[in-house]
Amino acid sequence: VFRSDETRLPTLELKHRVDKRVLDNYFNLFGQKPQWIQCGSQLGGVPQLLFENWMDRMFLERLEQRSERIDRLLVESKNHWEYVLFLLLSRSFGLAVNGDSFFSIAQSIPFAIIRKCRHDLLQIEALLMGQAGLLDQFGGDPYYEEQRKMYRYLITKYSISKDSVSRPRFFRLRPNNFPTIRLSQLAVLWHSRTQLFSDIISVKHKDECYRLFKITASKYWDTHYNFGVPSAASRKRLTISFMDLLILNVIIPLQYCYARKQGKDSSEEIIGLAMSVKAEKNNVTKRFSALRKLEGNALESQALLQLKNEYCNKRKCMHCAIGNYLLKR
């Protein structure tokens, strides 16, 4: 390559200055067609200690990303931690299908009204059901009419609008995940745990979390999944797997963010809590388990999601401890 005045550009040749083994490892990693993960065939040979340390790093990195979202909610709410908790719980109770909808329902109600209504289960449940658009029809069984009457009273009294609410969906959901059931469970939790924020911040073990979330939907839902449609009797309790999701999506991120705001390092306690919870079952963890023996806890499953989404999918192997090990060995 020459400059405009015909002088040659100086060139540094690395051909004989880079270890051939590193080049071979590099082309072995990148010189093939894009894979689900580039190191899939070699992942099983990565030392356990290195793998575990990187999982810890990935887990905390994922927590940092989640804490950034909590930080934004805190700014918007002027550091109202209890309100942020209510928003996080609402999104989590909606799961993947209705998470955004439940979040919009929670945001549509001024939190001062949520606090006033939480002491009366009928009021808080009617408010959530009504904002979800589940009390819009005239006529129904006595419980429906009671809720509808209470909802009409509350929105008139407090001038509440639901124009910004995204309606929840029932399609392709198991009955236990119907919006009616999940909204009732959320209402019961908020009604029955009056010190919920301080309880969540102070829990250390998963059994404490399970006791905290040991609630059922209100009595009407023992024999219903939808208004006016009777069903076989069954208590609509929160399952262990659902409680585990609440630990991962609400308790751990909130504890981490709160401790950081207090200038404390809670990573050891949080890592311990995450390791005590079973791993999530999804396509990512299933594919990784086919490549390497896993510990089967939630810390690892959360870390693998971070690894896959932020490193493997973006082919950032040079920034990954596993990738660097495979290049240098």
C-alpha atoms as a PDB file:
ATOM      1  CA  VAL A   1       0.000   0.000   0.000  1.00  0.00           C
ATOM      2  CA  PHE A   2       1.433   3.374  -1.075  1.00  0.00           C
ATOM      3  CA  ARG A   3       0.782   6.959  -0.113  1.00  0.00           C
ATOM      4  CA  SER A   4      -0.099   9.599  -2.726  1.00  0.00           C
ATOM      5  CA  ASP A   5       3.608  10.535  -3.016  1.00  0.00           C
ATOM      6  CA  GLU A   6       4.466   6.912  -3.897  1.00  0.00           C
ATOM      7  CA  THR A   7       6.147   6.179  -0.530  1.00  0.00           C
ATOM      8  CA  ARG A   8       5.365   2.789   0.999  1.00  0.00           C
ATOM      9  CA  LEU A   9       3.272   2.524   4.183  1.00  0.00           C
ATOM     10  CA  PRO A  10       5.197   0.749   6.965  1.00  0.00           C
ATOM     11  CA  THR A  11       3.655  -2.657   7.715  1.00  0.00           C
ATOM     12  CA  LEU A  12       3.991  -4.758  10.829  1.00  0.00           C
ATOM     13  CA  GLU A  13       3.887  -8.469   9.987  1.00  0.00           C
ATOM     14  CA  LEU A  14       2.670 -10.667  12.848  1.00  0.00           C
ATOM     15  CA  LYS A  15       2.934 -13.954  10.973  1.00  0.00           C
ATOM     16  CA  HIS A  16       6.022 -15.131  12.799  1.00  0.00           C
ATOM     17  CA  ARG A  17       5.320 -13.349  16.077  1.00  0.00           C
ATOM     18  CA  VAL A  18       2.038 -14.993  17.136  1.00  0.00           C
ATOM     19  CA  ASP A  19       2.135 -18.495  18.567  1.00  0.00           C
ATOM     20  CA  LYS A  20       0.817 -20.875  15.912  1.00  0.00           C
ATOM     21  CA  ARG A  21      -1.222 -22.709  18.565  1.00  0.00           C
ATOM     22  CA  VAL A  22      -3.127 -19.502  19.315  1.00  0.00           C
ATOM     23  CA  LEU A  23      -3.871 -19.037  15.605  1.00  0.00           C
ATOM     24  CA  ASP A  24      -4.989 -22.662  15.290  1.00  0.00           C
ATOM     25  CA  ASN A  25      -7.261 -22.267  18.310  1.00  0.00           C
ATOM     26  CA  TYR A  26      -8.619 -19.016  16.913  1.00  0.00           C
ATOM     27  CA  PHE A  27      -9.500 -20.532  13.546  1.00  0.00           C
ATOM     28  CA  ASN A  28     -10.904 -23.594  15.292  1.00  0.00           C
ATOM     29  CA  LEU A  29     -13.221 -21.260  17.216  1.00  0.00           C
ATOM     30  CA  PHE A  30     -14.129 -18.779  14.475  1.00  0.00           C
ATOM     31  CA  GLY A  31     -13.172 -20.481  11.216  1.00  0.00           C
ATOM     32  CA  GLN A  32     -16.393 -22.448  11.036  1.00  0.00           C
ATOM     33  CA  LYS A  33     -19.964 -21.526  10.173  1.00  0.00           C
ATOM     34  CA  PRO A  34     -21.867 -19.733  12.969  1.00  0.00           C
ATOM     35  CA  GLN A  35     -23.011 -22.279  15.549  1.00  0.00           C
ATOM     36  CA  TRP A  36     -25.547 -22.107  18.395  1.00  0.00           C
ATOM     37  CA  ILE A  37     -22.422 -21.284  20.418  1.00  0.00           C
ATOM     38  CA  GLN A  38     -19.007 -21.292  18.737  1.00  0.00           C
ATOM     39  CA  CYS A  39     -17.304 -23.269  21.500  1.00  0.00           C
ATOM     40  CA  GLY A  40     -20.017 -25.920  21.792  1.00  0.00           C
ATOM     41  CA  SER A  41     -17.785 -28.880  20.960  1.00  0.00           C
ATOM     42  CA  GLN A  42     -15.099 -27.680  23.407  1.00  0.00           C
ATOM     43  CA  LEU A  43     -17.221 -26.441  26.316  1.00  0.00           C
ATOM     44  CA  GLY A  44     -17.067 -29.725  28.188  1.00  0.00           C
ATOM     45  CA  GLY A  45     -13.279 -29.466  28.482  1.00  0.00           C
ATOM     46  CA  VAL A  46     -13.253 -26.080  30.265  1.00  0.00           C
ATOM     47  CA  PRO A  47     -11.970 -26.435  33.878  1.00  0.00           C
ATOM     48  CA  GLN A  48     -14.756 -26.431  36.462  1.00  0.00           C
ATOM     49  CA  LEU A  49     -13.249 -23.657  38.594  1.00  0.00           C
ATOM     50  CA  LEU A  50     -12.928 -21.312  35.621  1.00  0.00           C
ATOM     51  CA  PHE A  51     -16.471 -22.141  34.531  1.00  0.00           C
ATOM     52  CA  GLU A  52     -17.917 -21.525  38.017  1.00  0.00           C
ATOM     53  CA  ASN A  53     -16.076 -18.210  38.420  1.00  0.00           C
ATOM     54  CA  TRP A  54     -17.360 -17.051  35.035  1.00  0.00           C
ATOM     55  CA  MET A  55     -20.910 -18.082  35.962  1.00  0.00           C
ATOM     56  CA  ASP A  56     -20.662 -15.932  39.108  1.00  0.00           C
ATOM     57  CA  ARG A  57     -19.497 -13.033  36.957  1.00  0.00           C
ATOM     58  CA  MET A  58     -22.313 -13.541  34.439  1.00  0.00           C
ATOM     59  CA  PHE A  59     -24.920 -13.730  37.198  1.00  0.00           C
ATOM     60  CA  LEU A  60     -23.766 -10.464  38.767  1.00  0.00           C
ATOM     61  CA  GLU A  61     -23.569  -8.825  35.343  1.00  0.00           C
ATOM     62  CA  ARG A  62     -27.198  -9.799  34.713  1.00  0.00           C
ATOM     63  CA  LEU A  63     -28.102  -8.381  38.136  1.00  0.00           C
ATOM     64  CA  GLU A  64     -26.430  -5.108  37.201  1.00  0.00           C
ATOM     65  CA  GLN A  65     -28.569  -4.847  34.087  1.00  0.00           C
ATOM     66  CA  ARG A  66     -31.717  -5.500  36.092  1.00  0.00           C
ATOM     67  CA  SER A  67     -30.714  -2.996  38.733  1.00  0.00           C
ATOM     68  CA  GLU A  68     -30.403  -0.352  36.006  1.00  0.00           C
ATOM     69  CA  ARG A  69     -34.094  -0.893  35.189  1.00  0.00           C
ATOM     70  CA  ILE A  70     -34.963  -0.611  38.884  1.00  0.00           C
ATOM     71  CA  ASP A  71     -32.904   2.591  39.068  1.00  0.00           C
ATOM     72  CA  ARG A  72     -35.012   4.089  36.278  1.00  0.00           C
ATOM     73  CA  LEU A  73     -38.223   3.184  38.108  1.00  0.00           C
ATOM     74  CA  LEU A  74     -36.839   4.759  41.279  1.00  0.00           C
ATOM     75  CA  VAL A  75     -36.062   7.974  39.431  1.00  0.00           C
ATOM     76  CA  GLU A  76     -39.563   8.054  37.921  1.00  0.00           C
ATOM     77  CA  SER A  77     -41.183   7.381  41.319  1.00  0.00           C
ATOM     78  CA  LYS A  78     -38.884   9.724  43.287  1.00  0.00           C
ATOM     79  CA  ASN A  79     -37.284   6.835  45.193  1.00  0.00           C
ATOM     80  CA  HIS A  80     -40.538   5.185  46.250  1.00  0.00           C
ATOM     81  CA  TRP A  81     -39.270   1.668  46.949  1.00  0.00           C
ATOM     82  CA  GLU A  82     -42.663   0.220  47.871  1.00  0.00           C
ATOM     83  CA  TYR A  83     -44.183   1.430  44.616  1.00  0.00           C
ATOM     84  CA  VAL A  84     -41.290  -0.057  42.640  1.00  0.00           C
ATOM     85  CA  LEU A  85     -41.876  -3.357  44.447  1.00  0.00           C
ATOM     86  CA  PHE A  86     -45.538  -3.279  43.416  1.00  0.00           C
ATOM     87  CA  LEU A  87     -44.548  -2.675  39.787  1.00  0.00           C
ATOM     88  CA  LEU A  88     -42.009  -5.527  39.816  1.00  0.00           C
ATOM     89  CA  LEU A  89     -44.497  -7.921  41.403  1.00  0.00           C
ATOM     90  CA  SER A  90     -47.179  -6.952  38.903  1.00  0.00           C
ATOM     91  CA  ARG A  91     -44.907  -7.646  35.935  1.00  0.00           C
ATOM     92  CA  SER A  92     -43.799 -10.968  37.424  1.00  0.00           C
ATOM     93  CA  PHE A  93     -47.351 -12.132  38.150  1.00  0.00           C
ATOM     94  CA  GLY A  94     -48.166 -11.526  34.491  1.00  0.00           C
ATOM     95  CA  LEU A  95     -45.330 -13.839  33.406  1.00  0.00           C
ATOM     96  CA  ALA A  96     -44.032 -13.613  29.833  1.00  0.00           C
ATOM     97  CA  VAL A  97     -47.438 -13.386  28.138  1.00  0.00           C
ATOM     98  CA  ASN A  98     -49.056 -10.708  30.326  1.00  0.00           C
ATOM     99  CA  GLY A  99     -46.070  -9.112  32.057  1.00  0.00           C
ATOM    100  CA  ASP A 100     -46.315  -5.864  30.107  1.00  0.00           C
ATOM    101  CA  SER A 101     -50.086  -5.782  30.536  1.00  0.00           C
ATOM    102  CA  PHE A 102     -49.918  -6.252  34.314  1.00  0.00           C
ATOM    103  CA  PHE A 103     -47.201  -3.609  34.485  1.00  0.00           C
ATOM    104  CA  SER A 104     -49.456  -1.153  32.641  1.00  0.00           C
ATOM    105  CA  ILE A 105     -52.313  -1.986  35.033  1.00  0.00           C
ATOM    106  CA  ALA A 106     -50.096  -1.235  38.040  1.00  0.00           C
ATOM    107  CA  GLN A 107     -48.878   2.025  36.481  1.00  0.00           C
ATOM    108  CA  SER A 108     -52.434   3.157  35.712  1.00  0.00           C
ATOM    109  CA  ILE A 109     -53.378   3.365  39.404  1.00  0.00           C
ATOM    110  CA  PRO A 110     -51.809   6.109  41.559  1.00  0.00           C
ATOM    111  CA  PHE A 111     -49.923   4.338  44.316  1.00  0.00           C
ATOM    112  CA  ALA A 112     -51.579   6.430  47.023  1.00  0.00           C
ATOM    113  CA  ILE A 113     -54.864   4.781  45.989  1.00  0.00           C
ATOM    114  CA  ILE A 114     -53.248   1.316  46.015  1.00  0.00           C
ATOM    115  CA  ARG A 115     -52.175   1.960  49.608  1.00  0.00           C
ATOM    116  CA  LYS A 116     -55.651   3.133  50.636  1.00  0.00           C
ATOM    117  CA  CYS A 117     -57.364   0.131  49.054  1.00  0.00           C
ATOM    118  CA  ARG A 118     -54.948  -2.609  50.139  1.00  0.00           C
ATOM    119  CA  HIS A 119     -56.646  -3.000  53.540  1.00  0.00           C
ATOM    120  CA  ASP A 120     -59.885  -4.156  51.873  1.00  0.00           C
ATOM    121  CA  LEU A 121     -59.416  -7.235  49.674  1.00  0.00           C
ATOM    122  CA  LEU A 122     -62.598  -6.577  47.719  1.00  0.00           C
ATOM    123  CA  GLN A 123     -61.402  -3.068  46.844  1.00  0.00           C
ATOM    124  CA  ILE A 124     -57.862  -3.962  45.751  1.00  0.00           C
ATOM    125  CA  GLU A 125     -59.050  -6.984  43.751  1.00  0.00           C
ATOM    126  CA  ALA A 126     -61.868  -5.035  42.084  1.00  0.00           C
ATOM    127  CA  LEU A 127     -59.450  -2.241  41.222  1.00  0.00           C
ATOM    128  CA  LEU A 128     -56.996  -4.610  39.502  1.00  0.00           C
ATOM    129  CA  MET A 129     -59.705  -6.619  37.732  1.00  0.00           C
ATOM    130  CA  GLY A 130     -61.469  -3.485  36.573  1.00  0.00           C
ATOM    131  CA  GLN A 131     -58.326  -1.810  35.243  1.00  0.00           C
ATOM    132  CA  ALA A 132     -57.584  -5.033  33.361  1.00  0.00           C
ATOM    133  CA  GLY A 133     -60.943  -4.650  31.579  1.00  0.00           C
ATOM    134  CA  LEU A 134     -62.393  -7.770  33.200  1.00  0.00           C
ATOM    135  CA  LEU A 135     -65.408  -5.964  34.722  1.00  0.00           C
ATOM    136  CA  ASP A 136     -66.699  -4.192  31.622  1.00  0.00           C
ATOM    137  CA  GLN A 137     -69.825  -6.268  30.966  1.00  0.00           C
ATOM    138  CA  PHE A 138     -73.263  -5.776  32.519  1.00  0.00           C
ATOM    139  CA  GLY A 139     -74.747  -8.751  34.301  1.00  0.00           C
ATOM    140  CA  GLY A 140     -73.055 -11.695  35.959  1.00  0.00           C
ATOM    141  CA  ASP A 141     -73.002 -13.773  39.097  1.00  0.00           C
ATOM    142  CA  PRO A 142     -73.249 -12.056  42.519  1.00  0.00           C
ATOM    143  CA  TYR A 143     -69.473 -11.891  43.047  1.00  0.00           C
ATOM    144  CA  TYR A 144     -68.918 -10.336  39.631  1.00  0.00           C
ATOM    145  CA  GLU A 145     -71.614  -7.751  40.282  1.00  0.00           C
ATOM    146  CA  GLU A 146     -70.155  -6.980  43.703  1.00  0.00           C
ATOM    147  CA  GLN A 147     -66.718  -6.404  42.182  1.00  0.00           C
ATOM    148  CA  ARG A 148     -68.125  -4.372  39.308  1.00  0.00           C
ATOM    149  CA  LYS A 149     -70.103  -2.158  41.675  1.00  0.00           C
ATOM    150  CA  MET A 150     -67.021  -1.594  43.851  1.00  0.00           C
ATOM    151  CA  TYR A 151     -64.886  -0.810  40.807  1.00  0.00           C
ATOM    152  CA  ARG A 152     -67.356   1.754  39.466  1.00  0.00           C
ATOM    153  CA  TYR A 153     -67.412   3.394  42.875  1.00  0.00           C
ATOM    154  CA  LEU A 154     -63.593   3.546  43.124  1.00  0.00           C
ATOM    155  CA  ILE A 155     -62.925   4.969  39.664  1.00  0.00           C
ATOM    156  CA  THR A 156     -65.576   7.618  40.233  1.00  0.00           C
ATOM    157  CA  LYS A 157     -64.229   8.510  43.662  1.00  0.00           C
ATOM    158  CA  TYR A 158     -60.571   8.677  42.569  1.00  0.00           C
ATOM    159  CA  SER A 159     -60.990   9.657  38.895  1.00  0.00           C
ATOM    160  CA  ILE A 160     -58.980   6.684  37.648  1.00  0.00           C
ATOM    161  CA  SER A 161     -58.529   6.054  33.924  1.00  0.00           C
ATOM    162  CA  LYS A 162     -57.491   2.892  32.112  1.00  0.00           C
ATOM    163  CA  ASP A 163     -56.811   4.448  28.713  1.00  0.00           C
ATOM    164  CA  SER A 164     -53.114   3.527  28.900  1.00  0.00           C
ATOM    165  CA  VAL A 165     -53.713  -0.080  29.970  1.00  0.00           C
ATOM    166  CA  SER A 166     -52.846  -2.988  27.702  1.00  0.00           C
ATOM    167  CA  ARG A 167     -55.500  -5.668  28.203  1.00  0.00           C
ATOM    168  CA  PRO A 168     -54.241  -9.080  29.362  1.00  0.00           C
ATOM    169  CA  ARG A 169     -54.648 -12.169  27.212  1.00  0.00           C
ATOM    170  CA  PHE A 170     -56.103 -15.591  28.038  1.00  0.00           C
ATOM    171  CA  PHE A 171     -55.116 -17.252  24.767  1.00  0.00           C
ATOM    172  CA  ARG A 172     -52.809 -20.284  25.076  1.00  0.00           C
ATOM    173  CA  LEU A 173     -52.500 -19.935  28.845  1.00  0.00           C
ATOM    174  CA  ARG A 174     -53.017 -22.735  31.317  1.00  0.00           C
ATOM    175  CA  PRO A 175     -56.024 -21.991  33.541  1.00  0.00           C
ATOM    176  CA  ASN A 176     -53.820 -21.450  36.629  1.00  0.00           C
ATOM    177  CA  ASN A 177     -52.075 -18.639  34.724  1.00  0.00           C
ATOM    178  CA  PHE A 178     -55.284 -16.890  33.622  1.00  0.00           C
ATOM    179  CA  PRO A 179     -55.168 -13.139  34.354  1.00  0.00           C
ATOM    180  CA  THR A 180     -58.150 -13.527  36.703  1.00  0.00           C
ATOM    181  CA  ILE A 181     -56.241 -15.974  38.917  1.00  0.00           C
ATOM    182  CA  ARG A 182     -52.945 -14.104  38.862  1.00  0.00           C
ATOM    183  CA  LEU A 183     -54.547 -10.714  39.566  1.00  0.00           C
ATOM    184  CA  SER A 184     -56.485 -12.172  42.497  1.00  0.00           C
ATOM    185  CA  GLN A 185     -53.293 -13.724  43.900  1.00  0.00           C
ATOM    186  CA  LEU A 186     -51.488 -10.395  43.523  1.00  0.00           C
ATOM    187  CA  ALA A 187     -54.340  -8.640  45.331  1.00  0.00           C
ATOM    188  CA  VAL A 188     -54.295 -11.189  48.164  1.00  0.00           C
ATOM    189  CA  LEU A 189     -50.504 -10.901  48.540  1.00  0.00           C
ATOM    190  CA  TRP A 190     -50.624  -7.111  48.676  1.00  0.00           C
ATOM    191  CA  HIS A 191     -53.592  -7.176  51.072  1.00  0.00           C
ATOM    192  CA  SER A 192     -52.240  -9.804  53.485  1.00  0.00           C
ATOM    193  CA  ARG A 193     -48.569  -8.735  53.687  1.00  0.00           C
ATOM    194  CA  THR A 194     -48.730  -5.162  54.953  1.00  0.00           C
ATOM    195  CA  GLN A 195     -44.949  -4.972  55.553  1.00  0.00           C
ATOM    196  CA  LEU A 196     -44.049  -6.684  52.308  1.00  0.00           C
ATOM    197  CA  PHE A 197     -41.161  -4.434  51.275  1.00  0.00           C
ATOM    198  CA  SER A 198     -39.294  -4.742  54.594  1.00  0.00           C
ATOM    199  CA  ASP A 199     -39.992  -8.500  54.602  1.00  0.00           C
ATOM    200  CA  ILE A 200     -38.555  -8.920  51.108  1.00  0.00           C
ATOM    201  CA  ILE A 201     -35.457  -6.873  51.868  1.00  0.00           C
ATOM    202  CA  SER A 202     -34.692  -8.917  54.985  1.00  0.00           C
ATOM    203  CA  VAL A 203     -35.235 -12.522  53.765  1.00  0.00           C
ATOM    204  CA  LYS A 204     -32.061 -14.610  53.495  1.00  0.00           C
ATOM    205  CA  HIS A 205     -33.215 -18.125  52.656  1.00  0.00           C
ATOM    206  CA  LYS A 206     -35.617 -19.547  50.099  1.00  0.00           C
ATOM    207  CA  ASP A 207     -37.787 -21.114  52.825  1.00  0.00           C
ATOM    208  CA  GLU A 208     -38.421 -17.626  54.210  1.00  0.00           C
ATOM    209  CA  CYS A 209     -39.445 -16.540  50.719  1.00  0.00           C
ATOM    210  CA  TYR A 210     -41.793 -19.511  50.391  1.00  0.00           C
ATOM    211  CA  ARG A 211     -43.486 -18.604  53.675  1.00  0.00           C
ATOM    212  CA  LEU A 212     -43.818 -15.016  52.513  1.00  0.00           C
ATOM    213  CA  PHE A 213     -45.528 -16.068  49.277  1.00  0.00           C
ATOM    214  CA  LYS A 214     -47.724 -18.762  50.820  1.00  0.00           C
ATOM    215  CA  ILE A 215     -51.044 -17.327  49.655  1.00  0.00           C
ATOM    216  CA  THR A 216     -54.022 -18.375  47.542  1.00  0.00           C
ATOM    217  CA  ALA A 217     -56.404 -16.484  45.299  1.00  0.00           C
ATOM    218  CA  SER A 218     -59.577 -15.212  47.001  1.00  0.00           C
ATOM    219  CA  LYS A 219     -62.277 -17.768  47.858  1.00  0.00           C
ATOM    220  CA  TYR A 220     -64.428 -17.196  44.766  1.00  0.00           C
ATOM    221  CA  TRP A 221     -61.617 -18.540  42.603  1.00  0.00           C
ATOM    222  CA  ASP A 222     -61.623 -21.889  44.427  1.00  0.00           C
ATOM    223  CA  THR A 223     -64.429 -22.860  42.059  1.00  0.00           C
ATOM    224  CA  HIS A 224     -63.741 -20.555  39.090  1.00  0.00           C
ATOM    225  CA  TYR A 225     -61.037 -19.689  36.554  1.00  0.00           C
ATOM    226  CA  ASN A 226     -63.138 -16.993  34.941  1.00  0.00           C
ATOM    227  CA  PHE A 227     -66.105 -14.929  36.080  1.00  0.00           C
ATOM    228  CA  GLY A 228     -69.411 -16.785  35.949  1.00  0.00           C
ATOM    229  CA  VAL A 229     -67.920 -20.115  34.780  1.00  0.00           C
ATOM    230  CA  PRO A 230     -67.902 -22.681  37.621  1.00  0.00           C
ATOM    231  CA  SER A 231     -65.120 -25.270  37.724  1.00  0.00           C
ATOM    232  CA  ALA A 232     -64.000 -28.168  39.916  1.00  0.00           C
ATOM    233  CA  ALA A 233     -62.977 -26.974  43.375  1.00  0.00           C
ATOM    234  CA  SER A 234     -59.248 -26.347  43.903  1.00  0.00           C
ATOM    235  CA  ARG A 235     -57.290 -23.796  45.904  1.00  0.00           C
ATOM    236  CA  LYS A 236     -55.324 -21.498  43.599  1.00  0.00           C
ATOM    237  CA  ARG A 237     -52.020 -21.444  45.480  1.00  0.00           C
ATOM    238  CA  LEU A 238     -48.698 -20.084  44.282  1.00  0.00           C
ATOM    239  CA  THR A 239     -46.583 -23.063  43.251  1.00  0.00           C
ATOM    240  CA  ILE A 240     -42.952 -23.526  44.270  1.00  0.00           C
ATOM    241  CA  SER A 241     -41.828 -22.953  40.684  1.00  0.00           C
ATOM    242  CA  PHE A 242     -43.766 -19.677  40.546  1.00  0.00           C
ATOM    243  CA  MET A 243     -42.297 -18.594  43.893  1.00  0.00           C
ATOM    244  CA  ASP A 244     -38.829 -19.358  42.514  1.00  0.00           C
ATOM    245  CA  LEU A 245     -39.547 -16.976  39.635  1.00  0.00           C
ATOM    246  CA  LEU A 246     -40.539 -14.287  42.145  1.00  0.00           C
ATOM    247  CA  ILE A 247     -37.268 -14.853  44.021  1.00  0.00           C
ATOM    248  CA  LEU A 248     -35.276 -14.427  40.809  1.00  0.00           C
ATOM    249  CA  ASN A 249     -37.261 -11.597  39.231  1.00  0.00           C
ATOM    250  CA  VAL A 250     -38.239  -9.559  42.289  1.00  0.00           C
ATOM    251  CA  ILE A 251     -36.496 -10.433  45.560  1.00  0.00           C
ATOM    252  CA  ILE A 252     -32.894 -10.845  44.370  1.00  0.00           C
ATOM    253  CA  PRO A 253     -32.790  -7.791  42.037  1.00  0.00           C
ATOM    254  CA  LEU A 254     -34.511  -5.607  44.638  1.00  0.00           C
ATOM    255  CA  GLN A 255     -32.219  -6.736  47.464  1.00  0.00           C
ATOM    256  CA  TYR A 256     -29.149  -6.194  45.285  1.00  0.00           C
ATOM    257  CA  CYS A 257     -30.223  -2.713  44.223  1.00  0.00           C
ATOM    258  CA  TYR A 258     -31.268  -1.708  47.742  1.00  0.00           C
ATOM    259  CA  ALA A 259     -27.962  -2.869  49.278  1.00  0.00           C
ATOM    260  CA  ARG A 260     -26.013  -1.019  46.611  1.00  0.00           C
ATOM    261  CA  LYS A 261     -27.941   2.187  47.347  1.00  0.00           C
ATOM    262  CA  GLN A 262     -27.053   1.694  51.020  1.00  0.00           C
ATOM    263  CA  GLY A 263     -23.364   1.315  50.133  1.00  0.00           C
ATOM    264  CA  LYS A 264     -23.316  -2.371  51.134  1.00  0.00           C
ATOM    265  CA  ASP A 265     -22.000  -5.426  49.306  1.00  0.00           C
ATOM    266  CA  SER A 266     -24.698  -8.102  49.415  1.00  0.00           C
ATOM    267  CA  SER A 267     -23.333 -10.244  46.583  1.00  0.00           C
ATOM    268  CA  GLU A 268     -22.331 -13.166  48.812  1.00  0.00           C
ATOM    269  CA  GLU A 269     -25.790 -13.482  50.395  1.00  0.00           C
ATOM    270  CA  ILE A 270     -27.539 -13.036  47.056  1.00  0.00           C
ATOM    271  CA  ILE A 271     -25.345 -15.631  45.341  1.00  0.00           C
ATOM    272  CA  GLY A 272     -26.162 -18.034  48.175  1.00  0.00           C
ATOM    273  CA  LEU A 273     -29.901 -17.426  47.764  1.00  0.00           C
ATOM    274  CA  ALA A 274     -29.721 -17.916  43.992  1.00  0.00           C
ATOM    275  CA  MET A 275     -27.755 -21.150  44.391  1.00  0.00           C
ATOM    276  CA  SER A 276     -30.443 -22.533  46.715  1.00  0.00           C
ATOM    277  CA  VAL A 277     -33.145 -22.164  44.052  1.00  0.00           C
ATOM    278  CA  LYS A 278     -33.649 -24.720  41.285  1.00  0.00           C
ATOM    279  CA  ALA A 279     -32.557 -23.817  37.770  1.00  0.00           C
ATOM    280  CA  GLU A 280     -35.116 -22.506  35.323  1.00  0.00           C
ATOM    281  CA  LYS A 281     -36.127 -24.847  32.544  1.00  0.00           C
ATOM    282  CA  ASN A 282     -35.877 -23.234  29.134  1.00  0.00           C
ATOM    283  CA  ASN A 283     -34.333 -23.869  25.745  1.00  0.00           C
ATOM    284  CA  VAL A 284     -31.037 -22.161  26.674  1.00  0.00           C
ATOM    285  CA  THR A 285     -30.393 -24.262  29.786  1.00  0.00           C
ATOM    286  CA  LYS A 286     -31.471 -27.396  27.926  1.00  0.00           C
ATOM    287  CA  ARG A 287     -28.981 -26.762  25.112  1.00  0.00           C
ATOM    288  CA  PHE A 288     -26.140 -25.959  27.506  1.00  0.00           C
ATOM    289  CA  SER A 289     -26.837 -29.086  29.581  1.00  0.00           C
ATOM    290  CA  ALA A 290     -26.321 -31.152  26.422  1.00  0.00           C
ATOM    291  CA  LEU A 291     -22.828 -29.664  26.090  1.00  0.00           C
ATOM    292  CA  ARG A 292     -21.688 -29.789  29.712  1.00  0.00           C
ATOM    293  CA  LYS A 293     -22.740 -31.150  33.101  1.00  0.00           C
ATOM    294  CA  LEU A 294     -24.449 -28.345  35.036  1.00  0.00           C
ATOM    295  CA  GLU A 295     -25.068 -27.757  38.747  1.00  0.00           C
ATOM    296  CA  GLY A 296     -28.801 -27.237  38.275  1.00  0.00           C
ATOM    297  CA  ASN A 297     -29.291 -24.066  40.339  1.00  0.00           C
ATOM    298  CA  ALA A 298     -30.828 -20.717  39.434  1.00  0.00           C
ATOM    299  CA  LEU A 299     -27.563 -18.803  39.640  1.00  0.00           C
ATOM    300  CA  GLU A 300     -26.201 -20.952  36.832  1.00  0.00           C
ATOM    301  CA  SER A 301     -29.344 -20.770  34.695  1.00  0.00           C
ATOM    302  CA  GLN A 302     -29.470 -16.974  35.015  1.00  0.00           C
ATOM    303  CA  ALA A 303     -25.758 -16.776  34.217  1.00  0.00           C
ATOM    304  CA  LEU A 304     -26.187 -18.951  31.123  1.00  0.00           C
ATOM    305  CA  LEU A 305     -28.938 -16.671  29.830  1.00  0.00           C
ATOM    306  CA  GLN A 306     -26.565 -13.717  30.220  1.00  0.00           C
ATOM    307  CA  LEU A 307     -23.727 -15.617  28.553  1.00  0.00           C
ATOM    308  CA  LYS A 308     -25.849 -16.680  25.598  1.00  0.00           C
ATOM    309  CA  ASN A 309     -27.571 -13.337  25.014  1.00  0.00           C
ATOM    310  CA  GLU A 310     -24.681 -10.955  25.630  1.00  0.00           C
ATOM    311  CA  TYR A 311     -21.634 -12.979  24.530  1.00  0.00           C
ATOM    312  CA  CYS A 312     -22.435 -16.070  22.441  1.00  0.00           C
ATOM    313  CA  ASN A 313     -25.105 -14.448  20.262  1.00  0.00           C
ATOM    314  CA  LYS A 314     -22.829 -11.452  19.671  1.00  0.00           C
ATOM    315  CA  ARG A 315     -19.752 -13.687  19.162  1.00  0.00           C
ATOM    316  CA  LYS A 316     -17.843 -11.794  21.842  1.00  0.00           C
ATOM    317  CA  CYS A 317     -15.614 -14.802  22.538  1.00  0.00           C
ATOM    318  CA  MET A 318     -12.560 -12.567  22.976  1.00  0.00           C
ATOM    319  CA  HIS A 319     -14.321 -10.915  25.930  1.00  0.00           C
ATOM    320  CA  CYS A 320     -15.361 -14.219  27.485  1.00  0.00           C
ATOM    321  CA  ALA A 321     -13.235 -16.105  30.034  1.00  0.00           C
ATOM    322  CA  ILE A 322     -14.200 -19.403  28.393  1.00  0.00           C
ATOM    323  CA  GLY A 323     -13.262 -18.124  24.952  1.00  0.00           C
ATOM    324  CA  ASN A 324      -9.928 -16.792  26.204  1.00  0.00           C
ATOM    325  CA  TYR A 325      -9.116 -20.120  27.842  1.00  0.00           C
ATOM    326  CA  LEU A 326      -9.831 -21.996  24.609  1.00  0.00           C
ATOM    327  CA  LEU A 327      -7.613 -19.585  22.653  1.00  0.00           C
ATOM    328  CA  LYS A 328      -4.651 -19.848  25.009  1.00  0.00           C
ATOM    329  CA  ARG A 329      -4.615 -23.501  25.952  1.00  0.00           C
END
